[in-house]
Amino acid sequence: MAERMFRGLIPAFPTPLQQDGSLDEAGLARIVEYQIGRGASGLVPLGGTGEANSFGLATRRRIVEITASVAARRVPVIAGVLDPGLGGALESGRAYREAGADGLMVIPPYYARPDQDGVLRYFRALAPALKLPIVYYDNPYRSAIVTTPATIARLEEEGLIVGMKASSTDLYHFDQVARLVSDRFSLLSGQDTLFVEQVMLGACGGVLTSAALLPGAWARVQMRAEEGHVKEALELQGRLHPLMDALFAEQFPEAVRRAFALIGLPIGHSLPPVGALSAAAETRLAAAVNALVADGVLAAA
């Protein structure tokens, strides 16, 4: 089997902020080191979890610059390009390349809501100009675009993308993509709650939000699934369900920030329009985090 460019657990992580909402550079360096030290195979700054669209370009470039500097080539840095159209995506992608990114995770142009030919035209214009490996960010819930498996395969055939993050619960769609792309394609799960299922269908890793907290635990889940111990892998994944339910219940990604604070890594609060968690959500999250710490699955910083 050919070597894939990106594989393993590649957390999409929140951006540490000061009390006034400005970038916490020291906090960012700590959280990057935390993830690498606990088994991350790569890092995705400025995905949805990183609240990419809440920051101006200069701040986003600085986030990538710090992430890449601290990572120091130990793991690849795949920066999220979540701009709604071509001009912004080109500007962001070039800035991230100059800041040291090893790749880009690019969402299709959601405001225009293109058809399949439009998606192809977009990436034909984007990829040659950005000159970095691109992971297609397939997230129909956020983009309102359903990209067909045939289009994904065509994007790979034309050398425009090297992989895909699949943030969808549609396992049939995932299976069809896996059947059409080459064995060099970095097909990555983007659905924390269905990670094992997507690995069984061909994912070579995942860009998971909860992996920012416990990349090593998720890596063990992947290893057991790939070794054929599916029941055990599902049981291990099931132990993480209360945490995942708490992280995604409300005010995403504020709950992810609160989880980091609970393990001794405070990283500030989300920017508007995201608000604070309810008291019930705080209690639910604390119970899930404390249970995993008690079980030795999640380590306090």
C-alpha atoms as a PDB file:
ATOM      1  CA  MET A   1       0.000   0.000   0.000  1.00  0.00           C
ATOM      2  CA  ALA A   2       1.267   3.480  -0.868  1.00  0.00           C
ATOM      3  CA  GLU A   3       2.269   5.833   1.918  1.00  0.00           C
ATOM      4  CA  ARG A   4      -0.354   8.421   2.758  1.00  0.00           C
ATOM      5  CA  MET A   5       0.766  11.980   3.390  1.00  0.00           C
ATOM      6  CA  PHE A   6      -1.387  12.434   6.512  1.00  0.00           C
ATOM      7  CA  ARG A   7      -2.597   9.688   8.845  1.00  0.00           C
ATOM      8  CA  GLY A   8      -3.261   8.983  12.525  1.00  0.00           C
ATOM      9  CA  LEU A   9      -4.885  11.267  15.071  1.00  0.00           C
ATOM     10  CA  ILE A  10      -4.733  14.901  13.985  1.00  0.00           C
ATOM     11  CA  PRO A  11      -6.599  17.036  16.528  1.00  0.00           C
ATOM     12  CA  ALA A  12      -8.588  20.095  15.559  1.00  0.00           C
ATOM     13  CA  PHE A  13      -8.000  22.254  18.618  1.00  0.00           C
ATOM     14  CA  PRO A  14      -9.357  25.468  20.152  1.00  0.00           C
ATOM     15  CA  THR A  15      -7.426  28.722  20.002  1.00  0.00           C
ATOM     16  CA  PRO A  16      -6.271  29.926  23.453  1.00  0.00           C
ATOM     17  CA  LEU A  17      -7.415  33.459  24.221  1.00  0.00           C
ATOM     18  CA  GLN A  18      -6.720  36.090  26.852  1.00  0.00           C
ATOM     19  CA  GLN A  19      -9.518  37.513  28.999  1.00  0.00           C
ATOM     20  CA  ASP A  20      -9.893  40.421  26.545  1.00  0.00           C
ATOM     21  CA  GLY A  21     -10.289  38.044  23.597  1.00  0.00           C
ATOM     22  CA  SER A  22      -6.800  38.536  22.182  1.00  0.00           C
ATOM     23  CA  LEU A  23      -4.557  35.620  21.262  1.00  0.00           C
ATOM     24  CA  ASP A  24      -2.839  33.916  24.203  1.00  0.00           C
ATOM     25  CA  GLU A  25       0.481  33.059  22.569  1.00  0.00           C
ATOM     26  CA  ALA A  26       1.939  31.282  25.596  1.00  0.00           C
ATOM     27  CA  GLY A  27      -1.278  29.308  26.004  1.00  0.00           C
ATOM     28  CA  LEU A  28      -1.160  28.316  22.340  1.00  0.00           C
ATOM     29  CA  ALA A  29       2.394  27.046  22.721  1.00  0.00           C
ATOM     30  CA  ARG A  30       1.349  25.002  25.788  1.00  0.00           C
ATOM     31  CA  ILE A  31      -1.635  23.393  24.102  1.00  0.00           C
ATOM     32  CA  VAL A  32       0.406  22.476  21.029  1.00  0.00           C
ATOM     33  CA  GLU A  33       3.058  20.843  23.208  1.00  0.00           C
ATOM     34  CA  TYR A  34       0.356  19.075  25.230  1.00  0.00           C
ATOM     35  CA  GLN A  35      -1.122  17.454  22.134  1.00  0.00           C
ATOM     36  CA  ILE A  36       2.179  16.388  20.608  1.00  0.00           C
ATOM     37  CA  GLY A  37       3.380  15.032  23.945  1.00  0.00           C
ATOM     38  CA  ARG A  38       0.256  12.883  24.238  1.00  0.00           C
ATOM     39  CA  GLY A  39       0.487  11.270  20.839  1.00  0.00           C
ATOM     40  CA  ALA A  40      -0.972  13.574  18.193  1.00  0.00           C
ATOM     41  CA  SER A  41       0.123  12.644  14.661  1.00  0.00           C
ATOM     42  CA  GLY A  42      -0.562  16.132  13.332  1.00  0.00           C
ATOM     43  CA  LEU A  43      -2.366  19.356  14.233  1.00  0.00           C
ATOM     44  CA  VAL A  44      -5.182  21.389  12.695  1.00  0.00           C
ATOM     45  CA  PRO A  45      -5.187  24.998  13.874  1.00  0.00           C
ATOM     46  CA  LEU A  46      -8.042  27.217  12.692  1.00  0.00           C
ATOM     47  CA  GLY A  47     -10.672  24.615  11.982  1.00  0.00           C
ATOM     48  CA  GLY A  48     -14.190  25.125  13.278  1.00  0.00           C
ATOM     49  CA  THR A  49     -12.978  24.132  16.743  1.00  0.00           C
ATOM     50  CA  GLY A  50     -10.320  26.836  16.452  1.00  0.00           C
ATOM     51  CA  GLU A  51     -12.990  29.433  15.589  1.00  0.00           C
ATOM     52  CA  ALA A  52     -11.143  30.412  12.415  1.00  0.00           C
ATOM     53  CA  ASN A  53     -13.776  32.873  11.232  1.00  0.00           C
ATOM     54  CA  SER A  54     -13.638  34.829  14.498  1.00  0.00           C
ATOM     55  CA  PHE A  55     -10.160  36.216  13.752  1.00  0.00           C
ATOM     56  CA  GLY A  56      -8.620  38.607  11.277  1.00  0.00           C
ATOM     57  CA  LEU A  57      -5.941  37.425   8.881  1.00  0.00           C
ATOM     58  CA  ALA A  58      -3.011  38.767  10.903  1.00  0.00           C
ATOM     59  CA  THR A  59      -4.107  36.863  14.003  1.00  0.00           C
ATOM     60  CA  ARG A  60      -4.773  33.698  12.022  1.00  0.00           C
ATOM     61  CA  ARG A  61      -1.346  33.876  10.441  1.00  0.00           C
ATOM     62  CA  ARG A  62       0.218  34.284  13.889  1.00  0.00           C
ATOM     63  CA  ILE A  63      -1.697  31.238  15.170  1.00  0.00           C
ATOM     64  CA  VAL A  64      -0.254  29.115  12.362  1.00  0.00           C
ATOM     65  CA  GLU A  65       3.209  30.582  12.866  1.00  0.00           C
ATOM     66  CA  ILE A  66       3.275  29.685  16.576  1.00  0.00           C
ATOM     67  CA  THR A  67       1.789  26.238  15.974  1.00  0.00           C
ATOM     68  CA  ALA A  68       4.370  25.426  13.311  1.00  0.00           C
ATOM     69  CA  SER A  69       7.232  26.823  15.377  1.00  0.00           C
ATOM     70  CA  VAL A  70       6.360  24.767  18.458  1.00  0.00           C
ATOM     71  CA  ALA A  71       5.630  21.667  16.394  1.00  0.00           C
ATOM     72  CA  ALA A  72       9.099  22.058  14.853  1.00  0.00           C
ATOM     73  CA  ARG A  73       8.422  19.451  12.140  1.00  0.00           C
ATOM     74  CA  ARG A  74       7.676  16.738  14.715  1.00  0.00           C
ATOM     75  CA  VAL A  75       4.167  16.500  13.272  1.00  0.00           C
ATOM     76  CA  PRO A  76       2.555  18.157  10.232  1.00  0.00           C
ATOM     77  CA  VAL A  77       0.503  21.312  10.690  1.00  0.00           C
ATOM     78  CA  ILE A  78      -2.601  21.451   8.465  1.00  0.00           C
ATOM     79  CA  ALA A  79      -4.135  24.916   8.732  1.00  0.00           C
ATOM     80  CA  GLY A  80      -7.856  25.385   8.225  1.00  0.00           C
ATOM     81  CA  VAL A  81      -8.978  27.590   5.317  1.00  0.00           C
ATOM     82  CA  LEU A  82     -12.639  28.285   6.101  1.00  0.00           C
ATOM     83  CA  ASP A  83     -13.127  31.361   3.948  1.00  0.00           C
ATOM     84  CA  PRO A  84     -16.405  31.497   2.002  1.00  0.00           C
ATOM     85  CA  GLY A  85     -14.870  32.374  -1.365  1.00  0.00           C
ATOM     86  CA  LEU A  86     -11.823  32.369  -3.611  1.00  0.00           C
ATOM     87  CA  GLY A  87     -10.209  35.712  -2.731  1.00  0.00           C
ATOM     88  CA  GLY A  88     -10.206  35.093   1.007  1.00  0.00           C
ATOM     89  CA  ALA A  89      -9.128  31.478   0.623  1.00  0.00           C
ATOM     90  CA  LEU A  90      -6.173  32.468  -1.554  1.00  0.00           C
ATOM     91  CA  GLU A  91      -5.148  35.177   0.904  1.00  0.00           C
ATOM     92  CA  SER A  92      -5.442  32.838   3.900  1.00  0.00           C
ATOM     93  CA  GLY A  93      -3.736  29.886   2.249  1.00  0.00           C
ATOM     94  CA  ARG A  94      -0.754  31.939   1.120  1.00  0.00           C
ATOM     95  CA  ALA A  95      -0.393  33.494   4.573  1.00  0.00           C
ATOM     96  CA  TYR A  96      -0.478  30.063   6.229  1.00  0.00           C
ATOM     97  CA  ARG A  97       2.115  28.691   3.810  1.00  0.00           C
ATOM     98  CA  GLU A  98       4.426  31.593   4.607  1.00  0.00           C
ATOM     99  CA  ALA A  99       3.790  31.011   8.344  1.00  0.00           C
ATOM    100  CA  GLY A 100       5.038  27.418   8.089  1.00  0.00           C
ATOM    101  CA  ALA A 101       1.969  25.235   7.464  1.00  0.00           C
ATOM    102  CA  ASP A 102       2.658  21.828   5.935  1.00  0.00           C
ATOM    103  CA  GLY A 103      -0.811  21.528   4.426  1.00  0.00           C
ATOM    104  CA  LEU A 104      -4.232  23.136   4.271  1.00  0.00           C
ATOM    105  CA  MET A 105      -7.708  21.887   5.140  1.00  0.00           C
ATOM    106  CA  VAL A 106     -10.030  23.723   2.759  1.00  0.00           C
ATOM    107  CA  ILE A 107     -13.817  23.921   2.896  1.00  0.00           C
ATOM    108  CA  PRO A 108     -15.724  24.447  -0.387  1.00  0.00           C
ATOM    109  CA  PRO A 109     -17.126  27.943  -1.095  1.00  0.00           C
ATOM    110  CA  TYR A 110     -20.256  27.762   1.009  1.00  0.00           C
ATOM    111  CA  TYR A 111     -21.780  31.173   0.326  1.00  0.00           C
ATOM    112  CA  ALA A 112     -21.959  30.569  -3.440  1.00  0.00           C
ATOM    113  CA  ARG A 113     -23.287  27.020  -2.874  1.00  0.00           C
ATOM    114  CA  PRO A 114     -21.843  25.701  -6.160  1.00  0.00           C
ATOM    115  CA  ASP A 115     -22.809  22.567  -8.061  1.00  0.00           C
ATOM    116  CA  GLN A 116     -20.263  19.784  -8.579  1.00  0.00           C
ATOM    117  CA  ASP A 117     -18.647  21.522 -11.568  1.00  0.00           C
ATOM    118  CA  GLY A 118     -18.378  24.650  -9.468  1.00  0.00           C
ATOM    119  CA  VAL A 119     -16.513  22.762  -6.732  1.00  0.00           C
ATOM    120  CA  LEU A 120     -14.064  21.495  -9.349  1.00  0.00           C
ATOM    121  CA  ARG A 121     -13.577  24.974 -10.804  1.00  0.00           C
ATOM    122  CA  TYR A 122     -12.939  26.379  -7.333  1.00  0.00           C
ATOM    123  CA  PHE A 123     -10.199  23.910  -6.440  1.00  0.00           C
ATOM    124  CA  ARG A 124      -8.658  24.159  -9.915  1.00  0.00           C
ATOM    125  CA  ALA A 125      -8.243  27.881  -9.268  1.00  0.00           C
ATOM    126  CA  LEU A 126      -7.110  27.443  -5.662  1.00  0.00           C
ATOM    127  CA  ALA A 127      -4.716  24.512  -5.515  1.00  0.00           C
ATOM    128  CA  PRO A 128      -2.060  25.610  -8.051  1.00  0.00           C
ATOM    129  CA  ALA A 129      -1.826  29.041  -6.414  1.00  0.00           C
ATOM    130  CA  LEU A 130      -1.485  27.774  -2.837  1.00  0.00           C
ATOM    131  CA  LYS A 131       1.261  25.231  -3.519  1.00  0.00           C
ATOM    132  CA  LEU A 132       0.574  23.124  -0.432  1.00  0.00           C
ATOM    133  CA  PRO A 133      -1.121  19.732  -0.045  1.00  0.00           C
ATOM    134  CA  ILE A 134      -4.866  20.219   0.411  1.00  0.00           C
ATOM    135  CA  VAL A 135      -7.223  18.137   2.529  1.00  0.00           C
ATOM    136  CA  TYR A 136     -10.810  18.633   1.375  1.00  0.00           C
ATOM    137  CA  TYR A 137     -13.053  19.594   4.297  1.00  0.00           C
ATOM    138  CA  ASP A 138     -16.308  17.770   3.625  1.00  0.00           C
ATOM    139  CA  ASN A 139     -18.772  19.208   6.124  1.00  0.00           C
ATOM    140  CA  PRO A 140     -22.279  19.395   4.617  1.00  0.00           C
ATOM    141  CA  TYR A 141     -23.776  20.638   7.893  1.00  0.00           C
ATOM    142  CA  ARG A 142     -21.624  23.775   7.821  1.00  0.00           C
ATOM    143  CA  SER A 143     -21.187  24.301   4.073  1.00  0.00           C
ATOM    144  CA  ALA A 144     -24.662  23.238   2.857  1.00  0.00           C
ATOM    145  CA  ILE A 145     -22.818  21.509  -0.003  1.00  0.00           C
ATOM    146  CA  VAL A 146     -23.007  17.760  -0.575  1.00  0.00           C
ATOM    147  CA  THR A 147     -19.909  16.824  -2.559  1.00  0.00           C
ATOM    148  CA  THR A 148     -20.395  13.572  -4.424  1.00  0.00           C
ATOM    149  CA  PRO A 149     -17.882  10.722  -4.117  1.00  0.00           C
ATOM    150  CA  ALA A 150     -17.228  11.052  -7.859  1.00  0.00           C
ATOM    151  CA  THR A 151     -16.244  14.707  -7.402  1.00  0.00           C
ATOM    152  CA  ILE A 152     -13.907  13.843  -4.530  1.00  0.00           C
ATOM    153  CA  ALA A 153     -12.272  11.182  -6.712  1.00  0.00           C
ATOM    154  CA  ARG A 154     -11.962  13.651  -9.589  1.00  0.00           C
ATOM    155  CA  LEU A 155     -10.291  16.217  -7.339  1.00  0.00           C
ATOM    156  CA  GLU A 156      -7.717  13.593  -6.363  1.00  0.00           C
ATOM    157  CA  GLU A 157      -7.201  12.430  -9.955  1.00  0.00           C
ATOM    158  CA  GLU A 158      -6.417  15.997 -10.999  1.00  0.00           C
ATOM    159  CA  GLY A 159      -3.889  16.359  -8.155  1.00  0.00           C
ATOM    160  CA  LEU A 160      -5.892  19.090  -6.445  1.00  0.00           C
ATOM    161  CA  ILE A 161      -6.329  17.346  -3.080  1.00  0.00           C
ATOM    162  CA  VAL A 162      -4.408  14.662  -1.179  1.00  0.00           C
ATOM    163  CA  GLY A 163      -7.095  13.744   1.343  1.00  0.00           C
ATOM    164  CA  MET A 164     -10.448  14.527   2.906  1.00  0.00           C
ATOM    165  CA  LYS A 165     -11.819  15.167   6.363  1.00  0.00           C
ATOM    166  CA  ALA A 166     -15.257  13.527   6.440  1.00  0.00           C
ATOM    167  CA  SER A 167     -17.439  15.456   8.904  1.00  0.00           C
ATOM    168  CA  SER A 168     -20.645  13.617   8.142  1.00  0.00           C
ATOM    169  CA  THR A 169     -22.708  10.809   9.615  1.00  0.00           C
ATOM    170  CA  ASP A 170     -23.410   9.451   6.107  1.00  0.00           C
ATOM    171  CA  LEU A 171     -21.454   6.189   6.192  1.00  0.00           C
ATOM    172  CA  TYR A 172     -22.660   5.162   2.747  1.00  0.00           C
ATOM    173  CA  HIS A 173     -21.156   8.340   1.278  1.00  0.00           C
ATOM    174  CA  PHE A 174     -17.925   7.634   3.179  1.00  0.00           C
ATOM    175  CA  ASP A 175     -17.828   4.054   1.895  1.00  0.00           C
ATOM    176  CA  GLN A 176     -18.290   5.188  -1.706  1.00  0.00           C
ATOM    177  CA  VAL A 177     -15.473   7.741  -1.382  1.00  0.00           C
ATOM    178  CA  ALA A 178     -13.196   5.051   0.047  1.00  0.00           C
ATOM    179  CA  ARG A 179     -13.950   2.799  -2.913  1.00  0.00           C
ATOM    180  CA  LEU A 180     -13.203   5.492  -5.514  1.00  0.00           C
ATOM    181  CA  VAL A 181     -10.015   7.146  -4.225  1.00  0.00           C
ATOM    182  CA  SER A 182      -6.513   5.696  -4.459  1.00  0.00           C
ATOM    183  CA  ASP A 183      -4.629   3.964  -1.656  1.00  0.00           C
ATOM    184  CA  ARG A 184      -2.456   7.090  -1.380  1.00  0.00           C
ATOM    185  CA  PHE A 185      -5.442   9.235  -0.400  1.00  0.00           C
ATOM    186  CA  SER A 186      -5.532  10.471   3.205  1.00  0.00           C
ATOM    187  CA  LEU A 187      -9.147   9.651   3.993  1.00  0.00           C
ATOM    188  CA  LEU A 188      -9.692  11.004   7.497  1.00  0.00           C
ATOM    189  CA  SER A 189     -12.617  10.657   9.854  1.00  0.00           C
ATOM    190  CA  GLY A 190     -14.090  13.931  10.993  1.00  0.00           C
ATOM    191  CA  GLN A 191     -16.852  12.428  13.076  1.00  0.00           C
ATOM    192  CA  ASP A 192     -15.756  11.693  16.642  1.00  0.00           C
ATOM    193  CA  THR A 193     -18.831   9.572  17.341  1.00  0.00           C
ATOM    194  CA  LEU A 194     -18.291   7.313  14.305  1.00  0.00           C
ATOM    195  CA  PHE A 195     -14.510   7.081  14.258  1.00  0.00           C
ATOM    196  CA  VAL A 196     -14.269   3.287  14.508  1.00  0.00           C
ATOM    197  CA  GLU A 197     -16.938   2.820  11.867  1.00  0.00           C
ATOM    198  CA  GLN A 198     -15.096   5.133   9.481  1.00  0.00           C
ATOM    199  CA  VAL A 199     -11.772   3.395  10.170  1.00  0.00           C
ATOM    200  CA  MET A 200     -13.410   0.079   9.296  1.00  0.00           C
ATOM    201  CA  LEU A 201     -14.528   1.607   5.989  1.00  0.00           C
ATOM    202  CA  GLY A 202     -11.038   2.874   5.153  1.00  0.00           C
ATOM    203  CA  ALA A 203     -10.135   5.948   7.211  1.00  0.00           C
ATOM    204  CA  CYS A 204      -6.414   6.133   7.930  1.00  0.00           C
ATOM    205  CA  GLY A 205      -6.931   8.431  10.910  1.00  0.00           C
ATOM    206  CA  GLY A 206      -9.054  11.314  11.995  1.00  0.00           C
ATOM    207  CA  VAL A 207      -9.265  15.056  12.476  1.00  0.00           C
ATOM    208  CA  LEU A 208     -11.204  14.900  15.730  1.00  0.00           C
ATOM    209  CA  THR A 209     -12.101  17.639  18.196  1.00  0.00           C
ATOM    210  CA  SER A 210     -12.000  15.362  21.248  1.00  0.00           C
ATOM    211  CA  ALA A 211      -8.540  14.169  20.192  1.00  0.00           C
ATOM    212  CA  ALA A 212      -7.225  17.567  21.253  1.00  0.00           C
ATOM    213  CA  LEU A 213      -7.791  16.389  24.827  1.00  0.00           C
ATOM    214  CA  LEU A 214      -6.729  12.742  24.481  1.00  0.00           C
ATOM    215  CA  PRO A 215      -4.986  11.959  21.187  1.00  0.00           C
ATOM    216  CA  GLY A 216      -3.262   8.913  22.677  1.00  0.00           C
ATOM    217  CA  ALA A 217      -6.545   7.302  23.678  1.00  0.00           C
ATOM    218  CA  TRP A 218      -7.938   7.778  20.190  1.00  0.00           C
ATOM    219  CA  ALA A 219      -4.724   6.387  18.676  1.00  0.00           C
ATOM    220  CA  ARG A 220      -5.249   3.201  20.697  1.00  0.00           C
ATOM    221  CA  VAL A 221      -8.815   2.987  19.413  1.00  0.00           C
ATOM    222  CA  GLN A 222      -7.534   3.248  15.839  1.00  0.00           C
ATOM    223  CA  MET A 223      -4.836   0.646  16.422  1.00  0.00           C
ATOM    224  CA  ARG A 224      -7.301  -1.901  17.828  1.00  0.00           C
ATOM    225  CA  ALA A 225      -9.724  -1.285  14.959  1.00  0.00           C
ATOM    226  CA  GLU A 226      -7.007  -1.701  12.328  1.00  0.00           C
ATOM    227  CA  GLU A 227      -5.801  -4.894  14.000  1.00  0.00           C
ATOM    228  CA  GLY A 228      -9.281  -6.358  13.623  1.00  0.00           C
ATOM    229  CA  HIS A 229     -10.319  -6.058  17.266  1.00  0.00           C
ATOM    230  CA  VAL A 230     -13.476  -4.205  16.310  1.00  0.00           C
ATOM    231  CA  LYS A 231     -15.532  -5.055  19.381  1.00  0.00           C
ATOM    232  CA  GLU A 232     -12.766  -3.815  21.686  1.00  0.00           C
ATOM    233  CA  ALA A 233     -12.306  -0.676  19.582  1.00  0.00           C
ATOM    234  CA  LEU A 234     -16.027   0.067  19.814  1.00  0.00           C
ATOM    235  CA  GLU A 235     -15.963  -0.499  23.566  1.00  0.00           C
ATOM    236  CA  LEU A 236     -13.040   1.921  23.921  1.00  0.00           C
ATOM    237  CA  GLN A 237     -14.863   4.454  21.767  1.00  0.00           C
ATOM    238  CA  GLY A 238     -17.983   3.943  23.874  1.00  0.00           C
ATOM    239  CA  ARG A 239     -16.065   4.966  27.005  1.00  0.00           C
ATOM    240  CA  LEU A 240     -15.568   8.349  25.346  1.00  0.00           C
ATOM    241  CA  HIS A 241     -19.238   8.869  24.418  1.00  0.00           C
ATOM    242  CA  PRO A 242     -20.146  10.852  27.568  1.00  0.00           C
ATOM    243  CA  LEU A 243     -17.279  13.258  26.861  1.00  0.00           C
ATOM    244  CA  MET A 244     -18.248  13.633  23.200  1.00  0.00           C
ATOM    245  CA  ASP A 245     -21.889  14.185  24.110  1.00  0.00           C
ATOM    246  CA  ALA A 246     -20.861  16.900  26.565  1.00  0.00           C
ATOM    247  CA  LEU A 247     -18.467  18.595  24.128  1.00  0.00           C
ATOM    248  CA  PHE A 248     -21.033  18.928  21.355  1.00  0.00           C
ATOM    249  CA  ALA A 249     -24.211  19.475  23.399  1.00  0.00           C
ATOM    250  CA  GLU A 250     -24.291  23.282  23.267  1.00  0.00           C
ATOM    251  CA  GLN A 251     -22.225  26.402  22.578  1.00  0.00           C
ATOM    252  CA  PHE A 252     -19.537  24.668  20.533  1.00  0.00           C
ATOM    253  CA  PRO A 253     -16.573  24.973  20.999  1.00  0.00           C
ATOM    254  CA  GLU A 254     -16.922  26.599  24.438  1.00  0.00           C
ATOM    255  CA  ALA A 255     -17.305  23.167  26.031  1.00  0.00           C
ATOM    256  CA  VAL A 256     -13.933  22.130  24.591  1.00  0.00           C
ATOM    257  CA  ARG A 257     -12.354  25.170  26.215  1.00  0.00           C
ATOM    258  CA  ARG A 258     -13.992  24.334  29.536  1.00  0.00           C
ATOM    259  CA  ALA A 259     -12.708  20.763  29.313  1.00  0.00           C
ATOM    260  CA  PHE A 260      -9.152  22.024  28.954  1.00  0.00           C
ATOM    261  CA  ALA A 261      -9.642  24.249  31.991  1.00  0.00           C
ATOM    262  CA  LEU A 262     -10.860  21.241  33.972  1.00  0.00           C
ATOM    263  CA  ILE A 263      -7.576  19.404  33.345  1.00  0.00           C
ATOM    264  CA  GLY A 264      -5.441  22.376  34.308  1.00  0.00           C
ATOM    265  CA  LEU A 265      -4.981  24.112  30.946  1.00  0.00           C
ATOM    266  CA  PRO A 266      -7.214  27.212  30.975  1.00  0.00           C
ATOM    267  CA  ILE A 267      -7.428  28.683  27.466  1.00  0.00           C
ATOM    268  CA  GLY A 268     -10.055  31.410  27.828  1.00  0.00           C
ATOM    269  CA  HIS A 269     -13.582  31.691  26.490  1.00  0.00           C
ATOM    270  CA  SER A 270     -15.017  31.655  22.982  1.00  0.00           C
ATOM    271  CA  LEU A 271     -15.708  34.872  21.119  1.00  0.00           C
ATOM    272  CA  PRO A 272     -19.230  36.027  20.169  1.00  0.00           C
ATOM    273  CA  PRO A 273     -21.595  34.727  18.986  1.00  0.00           C
ATOM    274  CA  VAL A 274     -20.628  31.709  21.121  1.00  0.00           C
ATOM    275  CA  GLY A 275     -21.721  32.087  24.733  1.00  0.00           C
ATOM    276  CA  ALA A 276     -21.208  30.454  28.106  1.00  0.00           C
ATOM    277  CA  LEU A 277     -22.376  26.938  28.929  1.00  0.00           C
ATOM    278  CA  SER A 278     -25.476  26.436  31.014  1.00  0.00           C
ATOM    279  CA  ALA A 279     -25.038  25.174  34.582  1.00  0.00           C
ATOM    280  CA  ALA A 280     -26.402  21.797  33.517  1.00  0.00           C
ATOM    281  CA  ALA A 281     -23.910  21.555  30.656  1.00  0.00           C
ATOM    282  CA  GLU A 282     -21.033  22.508  32.970  1.00  0.00           C
ATOM    283  CA  THR A 283     -22.057  19.750  35.393  1.00  0.00           C
ATOM    284  CA  ARG A 284     -22.376  17.198  32.607  1.00  0.00           C
ATOM    285  CA  LEU A 285     -18.974  18.109  31.185  1.00  0.00           C
ATOM    286  CA  ALA A 286     -17.243  17.990  34.571  1.00  0.00           C
ATOM    287  CA  ALA A 287     -18.705  14.541  35.262  1.00  0.00           C
ATOM    288  CA  ALA A 288     -17.465  13.217  31.894  1.00  0.00           C
ATOM    289  CA  VAL A 289     -13.977  14.692  32.320  1.00  0.00           C
ATOM    290  CA  ASN A 290     -13.622  13.548  35.928  1.00  0.00           C
ATOM    291  CA  ALA A 291     -14.702  10.009  35.036  1.00  0.00           C
ATOM    292  CA  LEU A 292     -12.029   9.745  32.337  1.00  0.00           C
ATOM    293  CA  VAL A 293      -9.371  11.188  34.649  1.00  0.00           C
ATOM    294  CA  ALA A 294     -10.338   8.664  37.338  1.00  0.00           C
ATOM    295  CA  ASP A 295     -10.100   5.834  34.784  1.00  0.00           C
ATOM    296  CA  GLY A 296      -6.663   6.983  33.663  1.00  0.00           C
ATOM    297  CA  VAL A 297      -7.894   7.679  30.117  1.00  0.00           C
ATOM    298  CA  LEU A 298      -7.460  11.451  30.396  1.00  0.00           C
ATOM    299  CA  ALA A 299      -4.486  12.913  32.236  1.00  0.00           C
ATOM    300  CA  ALA A 300      -4.498  16.245  34.014  1.00  0.00           C
ATOM    301  CA  ALA A 301      -1.926  18.681  32.621  1.00  0.00           C
END
